[in-house]
């Protein structure tokens, strides 16, 4: 028996991922706009090392692109061993929280789509 997730569940996971990505895109856009328009923005920019557990190049590229397309974050580099994604965050007062957000919002869901 295969450990792979059935196709219909992977399609559902892809739809959920798309909706969550759009939601994150809107919320991040509003947050960045508020920050830019603030008289004295309080920013904590950071470069964050995000451990990734995805096995395929497509999965890694998907997460990296979703991070880059989300306002306030940019993917910088994937380590040679494909286990760390380096991300620049415009405002990341807690690095641990930023890592956890990327892992739970994008990585976990991409993993579900990959099966």
Protein backbone atom coordinates (compact mmCIF):
# COMPACT_ATOMS: atom_id res chain seq x y z
CA UNK A 1 0.00 0.00 0.00
CA UNK A 2 1.30 3.46 -0.91
CA UNK A 3 1.80 6.22 1.63
CA UNK A 4 0.74 8.75 -0.97
CA UNK A 5 -2.33 10.91 -0.32
CA UNK A 6 -5.23 10.21 -2.73
CA UNK A 7 -5.55 12.59 -5.67
CA UNK A 8 -8.89 14.06 -4.59
CA UNK A 9 -7.40 15.02 -1.20
CA UNK A 10 -4.37 16.58 -2.89
CA UNK A 11 -6.64 18.64 -5.16
CA UNK A 12 -8.62 19.80 -2.11
CA UNK A 13 -5.31 20.67 -0.36
CA UNK A 14 -4.28 22.73 -3.42
CA UNK A 15 -7.54 24.68 -3.31
CA UNK A 16 -7.14 25.33 0.42
CA UNK A 17 -3.54 26.45 -0.19
CA UNK A 18 -4.69 28.88 -2.88
CA UNK A 19 -7.34 30.41 -0.61
CA UNK A 20 -4.89 30.72 2.30
CA UNK A 21 -2.29 32.29 0.02
CA UNK A 22 -4.79 34.90 -1.22
CA UNK A 23 -5.80 35.64 2.38
CA UNK A 24 -2.14 36.04 3.42
CA UNK A 25 -1.52 38.25 0.39
CA UNK A 26 -4.35 40.62 1.35
CA UNK A 27 -3.48 40.74 5.07
CA UNK A 28 0.23 41.24 4.36
CA UNK A 29 -0.51 43.99 1.84
CA UNK A 30 -2.60 45.87 4.40
CA UNK A 31 0.05 45.40 7.10
CA UNK A 32 2.88 46.63 4.86
CA UNK A 33 0.79 49.60 3.69
CA UNK A 34 0.07 50.59 7.31
CA UNK A 35 3.76 50.27 8.15
CA UNK A 36 4.88 52.37 5.18
CA UNK A 37 2.31 55.07 5.91
CA UNK A 38 3.10 55.29 9.62
CA UNK A 39 4.79 58.50 10.73
CA UNK A 40 7.50 56.64 12.60
CA UNK A 41 7.41 52.99 11.62
CA UNK A 42 8.79 50.60 14.20
CA UNK A 43 10.46 47.89 12.14
CA UNK A 44 12.53 44.88 13.07
CA UNK A 45 13.94 43.70 9.73
CA UNK A 46 15.66 40.33 9.79
CA UNK A 47 17.18 37.63 7.67
CA UNK A 48 15.70 34.36 8.88
CA UNK A 49 16.85 30.79 8.30
CA UNK A 50 13.75 28.66 7.83
CA UNK A 51 14.34 24.90 8.03
CA UNK A 52 12.37 23.18 5.29
CA UNK A 53 11.39 19.54 5.11
CA UNK A 54 10.15 19.45 1.53
CA UNK A 55 11.80 16.87 -0.71
CA UNK A 56 11.02 18.06 -4.23
CA UNK A 57 12.42 21.03 -6.09
CA UNK A 58 8.86 21.99 -7.06
CA UNK A 59 7.73 22.03 -3.42
CA UNK A 60 10.72 24.11 -2.33
CA UNK A 61 10.26 26.53 -5.25
CA UNK A 62 6.54 26.84 -4.46
CA UNK A 63 7.18 27.81 -0.84
CA UNK A 64 10.01 30.18 -1.83
CA UNK A 65 7.81 31.89 -4.43
CA UNK A 66 4.84 32.16 -2.07
CA UNK A 67 7.11 33.80 0.50
CA UNK A 68 8.48 36.23 -2.11
CA UNK A 69 5.03 37.09 -3.42
CA UNK A 70 3.76 37.89 0.06
CA UNK A 71 4.40 41.58 0.81
CA UNK A 72 7.01 42.15 3.50
CA UNK A 73 9.03 39.00 2.81
CA UNK A 74 11.51 37.93 0.15
CA UNK A 75 13.16 34.56 -0.38
CA UNK A 76 16.89 35.06 -0.67
CA UNK A 77 18.49 31.65 -1.03
CA UNK A 78 18.00 27.92 -0.59
CA UNK A 79 20.95 26.12 0.97
CA UNK A 80 22.92 23.63 -1.13
CA UNK A 81 21.49 20.70 0.86
CA UNK A 82 17.94 22.11 0.28
CA UNK A 83 17.19 22.12 4.01
CA UNK A 84 17.25 25.88 4.76
CA UNK A 85 15.35 28.70 3.07
CA UNK A 86 16.79 32.13 3.84
CA UNK A 87 14.13 34.83 3.98
CA UNK A 88 14.33 38.59 4.45
CA UNK A 89 11.42 39.91 6.51
CA UNK A 90 10.57 43.59 6.65
CA UNK A 91 9.31 43.27 10.19
CA UNK A 92 10.08 40.18 12.26
CA UNK A 93 10.32 41.06 15.95
CA UNK A 94 10.26 37.33 16.75
CA UNK A 95 12.32 35.15 14.43
CA UNK A 96 10.79 32.00 15.91
CA UNK A 97 7.27 33.27 15.20
CA UNK A 98 8.24 34.17 11.63
CA UNK A 99 9.71 30.71 11.03
CA UNK A 100 6.64 29.05 12.51
CA UNK A 101 4.32 31.19 10.37
CA UNK A 102 6.10 30.19 7.14
CA UNK A 103 6.18 26.52 8.14
CA UNK A 104 2.52 26.29 9.18
CA UNK A 105 1.04 28.62 6.58
CA UNK A 106 2.93 27.53 3.48
CA UNK A 107 5.29 24.57 3.97
CA UNK A 108 2.83 22.24 5.70
CA UNK A 109 0.17 22.90 3.09
CA UNK A 110 2.54 22.48 0.13
CA UNK A 111 3.57 19.17 1.66
CA UNK A 112 -0.11 18.11 1.69
CA UNK A 113 -0.45 19.03 -1.99
CA UNK A 114 2.69 17.07 -2.88
CA UNK A 115 1.25 14.02 -1.15
